[in-house]
């Protein structure tokens, strides 16, 4: 086979694959979602609902600004950030790359 023939066959195969790919349609009866597509996004929405302290705010959010934070919680967060952000002693250690059993 020549290169032109192979290229033409590849082009025809690509066009045939594109024509059989389902597209978004206006009527759901034309296109049935696959098992994954039918469940797409449910895990994210269930996690958001599970992590929400007041589920009523998901449908009716407050327009008021947040006015405060628990001082003990904020202090613990700042301490954790300051302790774990940078450890200069660990950065100065040489990098060792071992190949095989050496």
N, C-alpha and C. Protein backbone atom coordinates (compact mmCIF):
# COMPACT_ATOMS: atom_id res chain seq x y z
N UNK A 1 0.84 -1.18 0.00
CA UNK A 1 0.00 0.00 0.00
C UNK A 1 0.89 1.24 0.00
N UNK A 2 0.39 2.22 -0.68
CA UNK A 2 1.14 3.46 -0.72
C UNK A 2 0.74 4.35 0.45
N UNK A 3 1.52 5.36 0.66
CA UNK A 3 1.25 6.30 1.75
C UNK A 3 -0.06 7.04 1.51
N UNK A 4 -0.36 7.36 0.25
CA UNK A 4 -1.62 8.05 -0.06
C UNK A 4 -2.82 7.18 0.29
N UNK A 5 -2.72 5.89 0.01
CA UNK A 5 -3.83 4.98 0.30
C UNK A 5 -4.02 4.85 1.81
N UNK A 6 -2.94 4.72 2.53
CA UNK A 6 -3.01 4.60 3.98
C UNK A 6 -3.59 5.88 4.59
N UNK A 7 -3.16 7.02 4.09
CA UNK A 7 -3.68 8.30 4.58
C UNK A 7 -5.16 8.44 4.29
N UNK A 8 -5.58 8.04 3.11
CA UNK A 8 -7.00 8.12 2.76
C UNK A 8 -7.83 7.19 3.64
N UNK A 9 -7.34 5.97 3.90
CA UNK A 9 -8.06 5.04 4.77
C UNK A 9 -8.14 5.58 6.20
N UNK A 10 -7.08 6.19 6.68
CA UNK A 10 -7.08 6.77 8.03
C UNK A 10 -8.07 7.92 8.12
N UNK A 11 -8.13 8.74 7.07
CA UNK A 11 -9.08 9.85 7.06
C UNK A 11 -10.52 9.36 7.05
N UNK A 12 -10.80 8.34 6.27
CA UNK A 12 -12.15 7.77 6.22
C UNK A 12 -12.51 7.16 7.57
N UNK A 13 -11.57 6.46 8.19
CA UNK A 13 -11.82 5.86 9.51
C UNK A 13 -12.07 6.94 10.56
N UNK A 14 -11.32 8.03 10.50
CA UNK A 14 -11.51 9.12 11.46
C UNK A 14 -12.86 9.78 11.28
N UNK A 15 -13.26 9.99 10.03
CA UNK A 15 -14.57 10.60 9.78
C UNK A 15 -15.70 9.67 10.20
N UNK A 16 -15.53 8.39 9.99
CA UNK A 16 -16.55 7.42 10.40
C UNK A 16 -16.66 7.40 11.92
N UNK A 17 -15.55 7.49 12.61
CA UNK A 17 -15.58 7.50 14.07
C UNK A 17 -16.26 8.76 14.58
N UNK A 18 -16.01 9.89 13.94
CA UNK A 18 -16.63 11.15 14.36
C UNK A 18 -18.13 11.13 14.12
N UNK A 19 -18.56 10.49 13.06
CA UNK A 19 -19.99 10.48 12.75
C UNK A 19 -20.76 9.58 13.70
N UNK A 20 -20.11 8.60 14.32
CA UNK A 20 -20.80 7.71 15.23
C UNK A 20 -20.71 8.16 16.69
N UNK A 21 -19.97 9.23 16.97
CA UNK A 21 -19.85 9.74 18.33
C UNK A 21 -21.11 10.50 18.70
N UNK A 22 -21.74 10.17 19.84
CA UNK A 22 -22.96 10.89 20.22
C UNK A 22 -22.66 12.33 20.58
N UNK A 23 -23.57 13.19 20.21
CA UNK A 23 -23.43 14.60 20.55
C UNK A 23 -24.56 15.00 21.47
N UNK A 24 -24.48 16.17 22.04
CA UNK A 24 -25.53 16.66 22.92
C UNK A 24 -26.76 16.97 22.09
N UNK A 25 -27.87 16.39 22.47
CA UNK A 25 -29.10 16.60 21.71
C UNK A 25 -30.12 17.29 22.59
N UNK A 26 -31.14 17.83 21.97
CA UNK A 26 -32.17 18.54 22.73
C UNK A 26 -33.18 17.60 23.33
N UNK A 27 -33.31 16.40 22.78
CA UNK A 27 -34.28 15.45 23.31
C UNK A 27 -33.53 14.28 23.93
N UNK A 28 -33.83 13.96 25.20
CA UNK A 28 -33.11 12.88 25.86
C UNK A 28 -33.38 11.51 25.27
N UNK A 29 -34.48 11.32 24.56
CA UNK A 29 -34.81 10.02 24.00
C UNK A 29 -33.83 9.62 22.90
N UNK A 30 -33.24 10.60 22.23
CA UNK A 30 -32.30 10.31 21.15
C UNK A 30 -31.00 9.71 21.68
N UNK A 31 -30.64 10.07 22.89
CA UNK A 31 -29.34 9.68 23.40
C UNK A 31 -29.48 9.23 24.86
N UNK A 32 -29.30 7.96 25.10
CA UNK A 32 -29.36 7.45 26.47
C UNK A 32 -27.97 7.55 27.08
N UNK A 33 -27.86 8.15 28.27
CA UNK A 33 -26.53 8.29 28.88
C UNK A 33 -25.99 6.94 29.33
N UNK A 34 -24.68 6.83 29.30
CA UNK A 34 -24.05 5.60 29.77
C UNK A 34 -24.15 5.56 31.29
N UNK A 35 -23.69 4.48 31.90
CA UNK A 35 -23.74 4.36 33.35
C UNK A 35 -22.95 5.45 34.05
N UNK A 36 -21.79 5.79 33.48
CA UNK A 36 -20.97 6.83 34.08
C UNK A 36 -21.56 8.21 33.81
N UNK A 37 -22.01 8.45 32.59
CA UNK A 37 -22.56 9.76 32.25
C UNK A 37 -23.85 10.04 33.01
N UNK A 38 -24.65 9.02 33.29
CA UNK A 38 -25.87 9.22 34.03
C UNK A 38 -25.63 9.59 35.48
N UNK A 39 -24.47 9.19 36.03
CA UNK A 39 -24.14 9.44 37.43
C UNK A 39 -23.12 10.58 37.57
N UNK A 40 -22.76 11.22 36.49
CA UNK A 40 -21.70 12.22 36.50
C UNK A 40 -22.06 13.39 37.40
N UNK A 41 -21.19 13.74 38.32
CA UNK A 41 -21.40 14.89 39.19
C UNK A 41 -22.09 14.58 40.50
N UNK A 42 -22.66 13.39 40.65
CA UNK A 42 -23.35 13.06 41.90
C UNK A 42 -22.39 12.95 43.07
N UNK A 43 -21.18 12.47 42.86
CA UNK A 43 -20.24 12.35 43.96
C UNK A 43 -19.84 13.73 44.48
N UNK A 44 -19.63 14.67 43.57
CA UNK A 44 -19.27 16.02 43.99
C UNK A 44 -20.41 16.67 44.76
N UNK A 45 -21.62 16.56 44.26
CA UNK A 45 -22.73 17.19 44.94
C UNK A 45 -23.00 16.54 46.29
N UNK A 46 -22.82 15.22 46.40
CA UNK A 46 -23.03 14.57 47.70
C UNK A 46 -21.95 14.97 48.70
N UNK A 47 -20.71 15.18 48.24
CA UNK A 47 -19.65 15.64 49.15
C UNK A 47 -19.91 17.07 49.62
N UNK A 48 -20.38 17.92 48.74
CA UNK A 48 -20.68 19.30 49.12
C UNK A 48 -21.80 19.31 50.17
N UNK A 49 -22.81 18.50 49.95
CA UNK A 49 -23.91 18.44 50.93
C UNK A 49 -23.43 17.88 52.26
N UNK A 50 -22.54 16.89 52.23
CA UNK A 50 -22.05 16.28 53.46
C UNK A 50 -21.16 17.23 54.25
N UNK A 51 -20.47 18.16 53.58
CA UNK A 51 -19.55 19.06 54.25
C UNK A 51 -20.18 20.40 54.60
N UNK A 52 -21.45 20.56 54.33
CA UNK A 52 -22.12 21.82 54.61
C UNK A 52 -22.72 21.78 56.01
N UNK A 53 -22.38 22.79 56.85
CA UNK A 53 -22.89 22.82 58.22
C UNK A 53 -24.39 23.09 58.24
N UNK A 54 -24.86 23.97 57.38
CA UNK A 54 -26.27 24.32 57.34
C UNK A 54 -26.76 24.07 55.91
N UNK A 55 -27.38 22.93 55.62
CA UNK A 55 -27.78 22.61 54.25
C UNK A 55 -28.75 23.60 53.63
N UNK A 56 -29.46 24.39 54.44
CA UNK A 56 -30.39 25.37 53.89
C UNK A 56 -29.65 26.47 53.13
N UNK A 57 -28.39 26.69 53.45
CA UNK A 57 -27.64 27.74 52.75
C UNK A 57 -27.26 27.34 51.33
N UNK A 58 -27.38 26.05 50.99
CA UNK A 58 -27.07 25.65 49.61
C UNK A 58 -28.08 26.21 48.63
N UNK A 59 -29.33 26.27 49.03
CA UNK A 59 -30.37 26.79 48.14
C UNK A 59 -30.67 28.26 48.37
N UNK A 60 -30.36 28.77 49.57
CA UNK A 60 -30.65 30.16 49.90
C UNK A 60 -29.44 30.75 50.63
N UNK A 61 -28.36 31.08 49.92
CA UNK A 61 -27.15 31.57 50.59
C UNK A 61 -27.35 32.96 51.21
N UNK A 62 -26.65 33.19 52.29
CA UNK A 62 -26.72 34.48 52.97
C UNK A 62 -25.87 35.50 52.23
N UNK A 63 -26.33 36.73 52.18
CA UNK A 63 -25.54 37.79 51.53
C UNK A 63 -24.69 38.54 52.55
N UNK A 64 -24.81 38.20 53.84
CA UNK A 64 -24.03 38.87 54.89
C UNK A 64 -22.59 38.36 54.87
N UNK A 65 -21.68 39.25 55.19
CA UNK A 65 -20.27 38.88 55.22
C UNK A 65 -19.98 38.07 56.49
N UNK A 66 -18.97 37.24 56.41
CA UNK A 66 -18.55 36.48 57.58
C UNK A 66 -17.87 37.45 58.53
N UNK A 67 -18.30 37.43 59.80
CA UNK A 67 -17.81 38.46 60.74
C UNK A 67 -16.78 37.95 61.70
N UNK A 68 -16.58 36.68 61.83
CA UNK A 68 -15.60 36.21 62.80
C UNK A 68 -15.21 34.77 62.59
N UNK A 69 -14.25 34.36 63.40
CA UNK A 69 -13.78 32.99 63.35
C UNK A 69 -13.46 32.58 64.78
N UNK A 70 -13.55 31.29 65.05
CA UNK A 70 -13.23 30.79 66.38
C UNK A 70 -11.75 31.07 66.66
N UNK A 71 -11.43 31.81 67.73
CA UNK A 71 -10.02 32.19 67.97
C UNK A 71 -9.11 30.99 68.22
N UNK A 72 -9.60 29.96 68.91
CA UNK A 72 -8.75 28.78 69.16
C UNK A 72 -8.44 28.05 67.86
N UNK A 73 -9.43 27.94 66.99
CA UNK A 73 -9.23 27.29 65.70
C UNK A 73 -8.23 28.09 64.85
N UNK A 74 -8.40 29.39 64.81
CA UNK A 74 -7.50 30.24 64.02
C UNK A 74 -6.07 30.14 64.54
N UNK A 75 -5.91 30.11 65.86
CA UNK A 75 -4.57 30.00 66.46
C UNK A 75 -3.92 28.68 66.08
N UNK A 76 -4.70 27.59 66.12
CA UNK A 76 -4.16 26.28 65.75
C UNK A 76 -3.76 26.23 64.27
N UNK A 77 -4.54 26.86 63.42
CA UNK A 77 -4.23 26.89 61.98
C UNK A 77 -2.93 27.65 61.74
N UNK A 78 -2.78 28.82 62.37
CA UNK A 78 -1.57 29.62 62.18
C UNK A 78 -0.35 28.89 62.70
N UNK A 79 -0.46 28.24 63.84
CA UNK A 79 0.68 27.48 64.39
C UNK A 79 1.07 26.34 63.46
N UNK A 80 0.08 25.63 62.94
CA UNK A 80 0.38 24.51 62.03
C UNK A 80 1.06 25.00 60.76
N UNK A 81 0.60 26.13 60.23
CA UNK A 81 1.23 26.67 59.02
C UNK A 81 2.66 27.10 59.28
N UNK A 82 2.90 27.74 60.41
CA UNK A 82 4.25 28.21 60.71
C UNK A 82 5.21 27.07 60.96
N UNK A 83 4.72 25.96 61.53
CA UNK A 83 5.60 24.83 61.81
C UNK A 83 5.92 24.02 60.56
N UNK A 84 4.99 23.90 59.64
CA UNK A 84 5.19 22.98 58.53
C UNK A 84 5.57 23.64 57.21
N UNK A 85 5.58 24.97 57.14
CA UNK A 85 5.83 25.62 55.85
C UNK A 85 7.27 25.44 55.41
N UNK A 86 8.21 25.69 56.29
CA UNK A 86 9.60 25.65 55.86
C UNK A 86 10.46 25.00 56.92
N UNK A 87 11.26 24.09 56.49
CA UNK A 87 12.25 23.47 57.36
C UNK A 87 13.60 23.61 56.65
N UNK A 88 14.33 24.72 56.92
CA UNK A 88 15.59 24.97 56.21
C UNK A 88 16.62 23.86 56.36
N UNK A 89 16.65 23.20 57.51
CA UNK A 89 17.63 22.14 57.70
C UNK A 89 17.39 20.99 56.72
N UNK A 90 16.16 20.69 56.42
CA UNK A 90 15.85 19.60 55.50
C UNK A 90 16.20 19.98 54.06
N UNK A 91 16.13 21.26 53.74
CA UNK A 91 16.44 21.71 52.39
C UNK A 91 17.93 21.64 52.11
N UNK A 92 18.76 21.85 53.14
CA UNK A 92 20.21 21.88 52.95
C UNK A 92 20.82 20.50 52.80
N UNK A 93 20.07 19.44 53.08
CA UNK A 93 20.60 18.09 52.94
C UNK A 93 20.81 17.76 51.46
N UNK A 94 21.91 17.05 51.14
CA UNK A 94 22.15 16.70 49.72
C UNK A 94 21.15 15.66 49.25
N UNK A 95 20.87 15.71 47.96
CA UNK A 95 19.97 14.75 47.33
C UNK A 95 20.78 13.52 46.96
N UNK A 96 20.28 12.36 47.36
CA UNK A 96 20.97 11.11 47.05
C UNK A 96 20.13 10.30 46.07
N UNK A 97 20.73 9.95 44.94
CA UNK A 97 20.06 9.15 43.94
C UNK A 97 20.77 7.79 43.88
N UNK A 98 20.01 6.75 44.18
CA UNK A 98 20.59 5.41 44.20
C UNK A 98 20.08 4.63 43.01
N UNK A 99 20.99 4.05 42.25
CA UNK A 99 20.64 3.25 41.09
C UNK A 99 21.02 1.81 41.36
N UNK A 100 20.07 0.92 41.17
CA UNK A 100 20.36 -0.49 41.41
C UNK A 100 20.44 -0.79 42.90
N UNK A 101 21.37 -1.63 43.32
CA UNK A 101 21.50 -2.01 44.72
C UNK A 101 22.60 -1.26 45.44
N UNK A 102 23.09 -0.20 44.85
CA UNK A 102 24.21 0.53 45.48
C UNK A 102 23.77 1.36 46.63
